[in-house]
């Protein structure tokens, strides 16, 4: 029984790391401009968010950490009345800085992307889809 408990505790602790980090209703209205040009947008400031990137000696999944940082940045940017965020650098030690912008109908990066309503461009283009709703 004691061995089972010792094995179960770390699993529960690792699973608990993501509880409570959810995209709220206001955050769902904030876009992420990964490489888009935000020069036509109004700069509202900087948001720095952080999450645990390791639990004890165990490193957390990098993709999960990045996803949580984006969710938190979108939620915080919404409080500033921003509609777009853009990472200002790579995550480091579970922390990341994001720029918060008000772009309105201007969609960062949309001028450079060709539009093709029938699907990907015939010259090897690709379609992308979000991995989570929001």
N, C-alpha and C. Protein backbone atom coordinates (compact mmCIF):
# COMPACT_ATOMS: atom_id res chain seq x y z
N UNK A 1 0.82 -1.19 0.00
CA UNK A 1 0.00 0.00 0.00
C UNK A 1 0.86 1.26 0.00
N UNK A 2 1.92 1.23 0.77
CA UNK A 2 2.78 2.40 0.88
C UNK A 2 3.49 2.68 -0.45
N UNK A 3 3.92 1.61 -1.15
CA UNK A 3 4.58 1.78 -2.45
C UNK A 3 3.62 2.39 -3.47
N UNK A 4 2.38 1.96 -3.44
CA UNK A 4 1.37 2.51 -4.35
C UNK A 4 1.17 3.99 -4.07
N UNK A 5 1.11 4.35 -2.83
CA UNK A 5 0.93 5.75 -2.45
C UNK A 5 2.12 6.59 -2.91
N UNK A 6 3.33 6.06 -2.75
CA UNK A 6 4.53 6.78 -3.16
C UNK A 6 4.57 6.97 -4.68
N UNK A 7 4.03 6.05 -5.43
CA UNK A 7 3.98 6.19 -6.88
C UNK A 7 2.85 7.10 -7.33
N UNK A 8 1.77 7.13 -6.60
CA UNK A 8 0.60 7.92 -6.96
C UNK A 8 0.78 9.41 -6.69
N UNK A 9 1.47 9.78 -5.65
CA UNK A 9 1.64 11.19 -5.27
C UNK A 9 2.32 12.00 -6.39
N UNK A 10 3.46 11.55 -6.97
CA UNK A 10 4.06 12.35 -8.05
C UNK A 10 3.15 12.50 -9.27
N UNK A 11 2.39 11.46 -9.59
CA UNK A 11 1.48 11.54 -10.73
C UNK A 11 0.40 12.59 -10.46
N UNK A 12 -0.14 12.60 -9.27
CA UNK A 12 -1.14 13.60 -8.91
C UNK A 12 -0.57 15.01 -8.92
N UNK A 13 0.65 15.17 -8.44
CA UNK A 13 1.28 16.49 -8.43
C UNK A 13 1.52 16.99 -9.84
N UNK A 14 1.98 16.13 -10.73
CA UNK A 14 2.21 16.54 -12.12
C UNK A 14 0.91 16.90 -12.81
N UNK A 15 -0.13 16.15 -12.55
CA UNK A 15 -1.43 16.44 -13.14
C UNK A 15 -2.04 17.71 -12.61
N UNK A 16 -1.74 18.06 -11.38
CA UNK A 16 -2.31 19.25 -10.75
C UNK A 16 -1.73 20.53 -11.32
N UNK A 17 -0.63 20.45 -12.02
CA UNK A 17 0.02 21.65 -12.54
C UNK A 17 -0.85 22.43 -13.51
N UNK A 18 -1.73 21.76 -14.23
CA UNK A 18 -2.53 22.45 -15.23
C UNK A 18 -3.92 22.82 -14.75
N UNK A 19 -4.30 22.42 -13.56
CA UNK A 19 -5.63 22.73 -13.07
C UNK A 19 -5.75 24.23 -12.83
N UNK A 20 -6.82 24.80 -13.34
CA UNK A 20 -7.07 26.21 -13.09
C UNK A 20 -6.55 27.14 -14.17
N UNK A 21 -5.75 26.66 -15.11
CA UNK A 21 -5.27 27.52 -16.19
C UNK A 21 -6.16 27.26 -17.39
N UNK A 22 -7.17 28.09 -17.52
CA UNK A 22 -8.12 27.95 -18.62
C UNK A 22 -8.32 29.30 -19.30
N UNK A 23 -8.67 29.24 -20.55
CA UNK A 23 -8.93 30.45 -21.32
C UNK A 23 -10.30 30.97 -20.94
N UNK A 24 -10.35 32.20 -20.39
CA UNK A 24 -11.65 32.75 -20.00
C UNK A 24 -12.35 33.38 -21.21
N UNK A 25 -13.59 33.80 -21.03
CA UNK A 25 -14.39 34.33 -22.14
C UNK A 25 -13.73 35.53 -22.81
N UNK A 26 -13.17 36.44 -22.03
CA UNK A 26 -12.51 37.61 -22.62
C UNK A 26 -11.24 37.19 -23.36
N UNK A 27 -10.51 36.23 -22.83
CA UNK A 27 -9.29 35.75 -23.47
C UNK A 27 -9.54 35.10 -24.81
N UNK A 28 -10.74 34.54 -24.99
CA UNK A 28 -11.08 33.90 -26.27
C UNK A 28 -11.15 34.92 -27.41
N UNK A 29 -11.32 36.19 -27.08
CA UNK A 29 -11.41 37.23 -28.10
C UNK A 29 -10.03 37.77 -28.50
N UNK A 30 -8.98 37.30 -27.84
CA UNK A 30 -7.62 37.78 -28.11
C UNK A 30 -6.91 36.82 -29.06
N UNK A 31 -6.41 37.36 -30.18
CA UNK A 31 -5.67 36.56 -31.16
C UNK A 31 -4.20 36.53 -30.79
N UNK A 32 -3.52 35.51 -31.30
CA UNK A 32 -2.07 35.42 -31.12
C UNK A 32 -1.41 35.63 -32.48
N UNK A 33 -0.59 36.66 -32.59
CA UNK A 33 0.14 36.95 -33.83
C UNK A 33 1.55 36.40 -33.67
N UNK A 34 1.74 35.14 -34.03
CA UNK A 34 3.04 34.50 -33.82
C UNK A 34 4.13 35.19 -34.61
N UNK A 35 3.90 35.48 -35.86
CA UNK A 35 4.94 36.15 -36.66
C UNK A 35 4.36 37.30 -37.47
N UNK A 36 3.14 37.68 -37.16
CA UNK A 36 2.47 38.74 -37.90
C UNK A 36 3.03 40.13 -37.57
N UNK A 37 2.85 41.04 -38.50
CA UNK A 37 3.30 42.41 -38.35
C UNK A 37 2.26 43.18 -37.54
N UNK A 38 2.64 43.68 -36.40
CA UNK A 38 1.72 44.43 -35.55
C UNK A 38 2.00 45.94 -35.60
N UNK A 39 2.73 46.39 -36.62
CA UNK A 39 3.08 47.81 -36.70
C UNK A 39 1.86 48.70 -36.93
N UNK A 40 0.79 48.15 -37.48
CA UNK A 40 -0.42 48.93 -37.71
C UNK A 40 -1.35 48.92 -36.49
N UNK A 41 -0.94 48.25 -35.44
CA UNK A 41 -1.76 48.12 -34.23
C UNK A 41 -1.29 49.11 -33.16
N UNK A 42 -2.17 49.38 -32.22
CA UNK A 42 -1.84 50.26 -31.09
C UNK A 42 -1.20 49.42 -29.99
N UNK A 43 0.01 49.78 -29.60
CA UNK A 43 0.74 49.06 -28.54
C UNK A 43 0.15 49.45 -27.19
N UNK A 44 -0.35 48.45 -26.45
CA UNK A 44 -0.95 48.71 -25.14
C UNK A 44 -0.01 48.37 -23.99
N UNK A 45 1.11 47.77 -24.30
CA UNK A 45 2.05 47.45 -23.24
C UNK A 45 2.55 46.02 -23.31
N UNK A 46 3.11 45.58 -22.19
CA UNK A 46 3.74 44.27 -22.12
C UNK A 46 3.08 43.46 -21.00
N UNK A 47 2.92 42.17 -21.27
CA UNK A 47 2.38 41.23 -20.29
C UNK A 47 3.44 40.17 -20.07
N UNK A 48 3.81 39.92 -18.83
CA UNK A 48 4.74 38.84 -18.52
C UNK A 48 4.01 37.83 -17.66
N UNK A 49 4.01 36.59 -18.11
CA UNK A 49 3.31 35.52 -17.40
C UNK A 49 4.30 34.41 -17.08
N UNK A 50 3.97 33.62 -16.07
CA UNK A 50 4.85 32.51 -15.72
C UNK A 50 4.05 31.34 -15.16
N UNK A 51 4.57 30.15 -15.41
CA UNK A 51 4.01 28.91 -14.90
C UNK A 51 5.16 28.05 -14.42
N UNK A 52 4.85 26.98 -13.73
CA UNK A 52 5.90 26.06 -13.29
C UNK A 52 6.39 25.27 -14.51
N UNK A 53 7.69 25.30 -14.77
CA UNK A 53 8.23 24.54 -15.90
C UNK A 53 8.83 23.21 -15.44
N UNK A 54 8.86 23.01 -14.15
CA UNK A 54 9.31 21.72 -13.61
C UNK A 54 8.68 21.51 -12.23
N UNK A 55 8.53 20.25 -11.87
CA UNK A 55 8.02 19.89 -10.55
C UNK A 55 9.11 19.07 -9.90
N UNK A 56 9.75 19.67 -8.90
CA UNK A 56 10.91 19.00 -8.30
C UNK A 56 11.98 18.83 -9.36
N UNK A 57 12.52 17.63 -9.50
CA UNK A 57 13.56 17.41 -10.50
C UNK A 57 13.00 17.07 -11.89
N UNK A 58 11.68 17.01 -12.04
CA UNK A 58 11.06 16.59 -13.30
C UNK A 58 10.68 17.82 -14.13
N UNK A 59 11.20 17.90 -15.36
CA UNK A 59 10.82 18.97 -16.27
C UNK A 59 9.45 18.67 -16.86
N UNK A 60 8.60 19.70 -16.96
CA UNK A 60 7.29 19.54 -17.56
C UNK A 60 7.41 19.57 -19.07
N UNK A 61 6.42 19.06 -19.74
CA UNK A 61 6.36 19.04 -21.19
C UNK A 61 6.44 20.47 -21.73
N UNK A 62 7.39 20.74 -22.63
CA UNK A 62 7.61 22.08 -23.17
C UNK A 62 6.38 22.62 -23.89
N UNK A 63 5.71 21.78 -24.65
CA UNK A 63 4.52 22.23 -25.39
C UNK A 63 3.41 22.63 -24.43
N UNK A 64 3.24 21.87 -23.37
CA UNK A 64 2.22 22.17 -22.37
C UNK A 64 2.53 23.50 -21.68
N UNK A 65 3.79 23.71 -21.33
CA UNK A 65 4.20 24.96 -20.69
C UNK A 65 3.94 26.14 -21.63
N UNK A 66 4.31 26.02 -22.90
CA UNK A 66 4.08 27.10 -23.87
C UNK A 66 2.60 27.38 -24.06
N UNK A 67 1.79 26.33 -24.09
CA UNK A 67 0.35 26.50 -24.24
C UNK A 67 -0.23 27.25 -23.05
N UNK A 68 0.19 26.88 -21.85
CA UNK A 68 -0.30 27.56 -20.64
C UNK A 68 0.14 29.02 -20.62
N UNK A 69 1.36 29.31 -21.06
CA UNK A 69 1.84 30.69 -21.11
C UNK A 69 0.99 31.51 -22.07
N UNK A 70 0.64 30.93 -23.22
CA UNK A 70 -0.20 31.64 -24.18
C UNK A 70 -1.59 31.91 -23.61
N UNK A 71 -2.17 30.91 -22.97
CA UNK A 71 -3.51 31.06 -22.37
C UNK A 71 -3.48 32.18 -21.33
N UNK A 72 -2.49 32.15 -20.46
CA UNK A 72 -2.41 33.20 -19.42
C UNK A 72 -2.19 34.58 -20.03
N UNK A 73 -1.36 34.66 -21.08
CA UNK A 73 -1.11 35.95 -21.74
C UNK A 73 -2.38 36.48 -22.39
N UNK A 74 -3.15 35.62 -23.03
CA UNK A 74 -4.40 36.05 -23.65
C UNK A 74 -5.38 36.55 -22.59
N UNK A 75 -5.48 35.85 -21.47
CA UNK A 75 -6.37 36.29 -20.39
C UNK A 75 -5.95 37.64 -19.83
N UNK A 76 -4.65 37.82 -19.60
CA UNK A 76 -4.15 39.09 -19.06
C UNK A 76 -4.29 40.23 -20.06
N UNK A 77 -4.04 39.96 -21.33
CA UNK A 77 -4.15 41.00 -22.36
C UNK A 77 -5.60 41.47 -22.49
N UNK A 78 -6.54 40.56 -22.32
CA UNK A 78 -7.96 40.94 -22.39
C UNK A 78 -8.30 41.96 -21.31
N UNK A 79 -7.67 41.85 -20.15
CA UNK A 79 -7.90 42.81 -19.07
C UNK A 79 -7.41 44.21 -19.44
N UNK A 80 -6.47 44.27 -20.40
CA UNK A 80 -5.93 45.55 -20.87
C UNK A 80 -6.69 46.05 -22.09
N UNK A 81 -7.76 45.35 -22.47
CA UNK A 81 -8.57 45.65 -23.66
C UNK A 81 -7.78 45.44 -24.95
N UNK A 82 -6.82 44.53 -24.92
CA UNK A 82 -6.08 44.16 -26.13
C UNK A 82 -6.86 43.10 -26.88
N UNK A 83 -6.69 43.06 -28.21
CA UNK A 83 -7.32 42.01 -29.00
C UNK A 83 -6.30 41.11 -29.69
N UNK A 84 -5.01 41.43 -29.48
CA UNK A 84 -3.93 40.66 -30.10
C UNK A 84 -2.73 40.64 -29.17
N UNK A 85 -2.06 39.49 -29.13
CA UNK A 85 -0.78 39.39 -28.40
C UNK A 85 0.27 38.82 -29.34
N UNK A 86 1.51 39.11 -29.03
CA UNK A 86 2.63 38.58 -29.81
C UNK A 86 3.78 38.31 -28.84
N UNK A 87 4.39 37.11 -28.92
CA UNK A 87 5.50 36.83 -28.01
C UNK A 87 6.68 37.76 -28.29
N UNK A 88 7.29 38.26 -27.23
CA UNK A 88 8.44 39.15 -27.36
C UNK A 88 9.75 38.39 -27.25
N UNK A 89 9.67 37.11 -26.98
CA UNK A 89 10.85 36.26 -26.86
C UNK A 89 10.43 34.85 -26.52
N UNK A 90 11.40 33.98 -26.44
CA UNK A 90 11.14 32.59 -26.09
C UNK A 90 10.92 32.46 -24.58
N UNK A 91 10.17 31.44 -24.16
CA UNK A 91 10.01 31.20 -22.73
C UNK A 91 11.35 30.85 -22.08
N UNK A 92 11.54 31.30 -20.87
CA UNK A 92 12.75 30.97 -20.10
C UNK A 92 12.35 30.72 -18.65
N UNK A 93 12.68 29.56 -18.16
CA UNK A 93 12.37 29.19 -16.76
C UNK A 93 10.89 29.35 -16.44
N UNK A 94 10.03 29.03 -17.40
CA UNK A 94 8.60 29.08 -17.17
C UNK A 94 7.99 30.47 -17.26
N UNK A 95 8.74 31.44 -17.76
CA UNK A 95 8.25 32.81 -17.86
C UNK A 95 8.39 33.30 -19.31
N UNK A 96 7.47 34.16 -19.74
CA UNK A 96 7.53 34.70 -21.10
C UNK A 96 6.87 36.06 -21.15
N UNK A 97 7.48 36.96 -21.91
CA UNK A 97 6.94 38.31 -22.11
C UNK A 97 6.17 38.34 -23.44
N UNK A 98 5.06 39.03 -23.43
CA UNK A 98 4.20 39.17 -24.60
C UNK A 98 3.86 40.64 -24.79
N UNK A 99 3.77 41.09 -26.02
CA UNK A 99 3.27 42.41 -26.34
C UNK A 99 1.76 42.35 -26.46
N UNK A 100 1.06 43.35 -25.94
CA UNK A 100 -0.40 43.41 -26.02
C UNK A 100 -0.77 44.56 -26.95
N UNK A 101 -1.63 44.28 -27.93
CA UNK A 101 -1.95 45.26 -28.97
C UNK A 101 -3.44 45.33 -29.20
N UNK A 102 -3.86 46.49 -29.70
CA UNK A 102 -5.24 46.67 -30.14
C UNK A 102 -5.18 46.87 -31.64
N UNK A 103 -5.60 45.86 -32.38
CA UNK A 103 -5.50 45.89 -33.84
C UNK A 103 -6.84 46.12 -34.52
N UNK A 104 -7.92 45.92 -33.82
CA UNK A 104 -9.24 46.09 -34.43
C UNK A 104 -9.43 45.10 -35.57
N UNK A 105 -9.82 45.60 -36.74
CA UNK A 105 -10.06 44.71 -37.88
C UNK A 105 -8.78 44.35 -38.62
N UNK A 106 -7.67 45.00 -38.30
CA UNK A 106 -6.39 44.67 -38.93
C UNK A 106 -5.93 43.34 -38.37
N UNK A 107 -5.72 42.35 -39.23
CA UNK A 107 -5.26 41.05 -38.78
C UNK A 107 -3.77 40.96 -39.07
N UNK A 108 -2.94 40.92 -38.02
CA UNK A 108 -1.50 40.86 -38.23
C UNK A 108 -1.11 39.69 -39.13
N UNK A 109 -0.31 40.01 -40.15
CA UNK A 109 0.19 38.98 -41.06
C UNK A 109 -0.77 38.66 -42.19
N UNK A 110 -1.97 39.26 -42.21
CA UNK A 110 -2.94 38.89 -43.22
C UNK A 110 -2.58 39.42 -44.60
N UNK A 111 -1.85 40.53 -44.67
CA UNK A 111 -1.49 41.09 -45.97
C UNK A 111 -0.49 40.19 -46.69
N UNK A 112 0.36 39.49 -45.97
CA UNK A 112 1.38 38.66 -46.59
C UNK A 112 0.86 37.28 -46.94
N UNK A 113 -0.25 36.87 -46.37
CA UNK A 113 -0.77 35.53 -46.61
C UNK A 113 -1.73 35.53 -47.79
N UNK A 114 -1.49 34.69 -48.79
CA UNK A 114 -2.41 34.63 -49.91
C UNK A 114 -3.72 33.99 -49.48
N UNK A 115 -4.82 34.46 -50.06
CA UNK A 115 -6.11 33.88 -49.71
C UNK A 115 -6.56 32.97 -50.83
N UNK A 116 -7.03 31.80 -50.47
CA UNK A 116 -7.51 30.82 -51.43
C UNK A 116 -8.69 30.10 -50.78
N UNK A 117 -9.92 30.49 -51.11
CA UNK A 117 -11.06 29.90 -50.43
C UNK A 117 -11.24 28.41 -50.69
N UNK A 118 -10.63 27.87 -51.73
CA UNK A 118 -10.81 26.46 -52.04
C UNK A 118 -9.81 25.56 -51.33
N UNK A 119 -8.92 26.13 -50.54
CA UNK A 119 -7.97 25.29 -49.79
C UNK A 119 -6.55 25.78 -49.94
N UNK A 120 -5.56 24.91 -49.66
CA UNK A 120 -4.17 25.31 -49.72
C UNK A 120 -3.76 25.70 -51.13
N UNK A 121 -2.76 26.55 -51.22
CA UNK A 121 -2.24 26.97 -52.51
C UNK A 121 -1.66 25.78 -53.25
N UNK A 122 -1.78 25.78 -54.56
CA UNK A 122 -1.29 24.66 -55.35
C UNK A 122 0.23 24.58 -55.37
N UNK A 123 0.90 25.63 -54.94
CA UNK A 123 2.36 25.62 -54.95
C UNK A 123 2.94 25.09 -53.65
N UNK A 124 2.21 24.19 -52.98
CA UNK A 124 2.75 23.57 -51.77
C UNK A 124 2.36 24.26 -50.49
N UNK A 125 1.34 25.15 -50.51
CA UNK A 125 0.90 25.82 -49.30
C UNK A 125 0.25 24.84 -48.35
N UNK A 126 -0.04 25.27 -47.15
CA UNK A 126 -0.63 24.38 -46.16
C UNK A 126 -1.70 25.12 -45.39
N UNK A 127 -2.67 24.38 -44.92
CA UNK A 127 -3.69 24.93 -44.04
C UNK A 127 -3.30 24.61 -42.61
N UNK A 128 -3.62 25.52 -41.71
CA UNK A 128 -3.38 25.26 -40.30
C UNK A 128 -4.68 25.36 -39.54
N UNK A 129 -4.78 24.60 -38.47
CA UNK A 129 -5.98 24.60 -37.65
C UNK A 129 -5.56 24.71 -36.21
N UNK A 130 -6.33 25.44 -35.36
CA UNK A 130 -5.97 25.54 -33.94
C UNK A 130 -6.13 24.19 -33.26
N UNK A 131 -5.28 23.94 -32.25
CA UNK A 131 -5.38 22.67 -31.53
C UNK A 131 -6.41 22.73 -30.41
N UNK A 132 -6.87 23.90 -30.07
CA UNK A 132 -7.91 24.01 -29.06
C UNK A 132 -8.83 25.14 -29.45
N UNK A 133 -10.06 25.09 -29.02
CA UNK A 133 -11.01 26.14 -29.36
C UNK A 133 -10.66 27.44 -28.72
N UNK A 134 -10.66 28.51 -29.49
CA UNK A 134 -10.39 29.80 -28.88
C UNK A 134 -9.64 30.70 -29.69
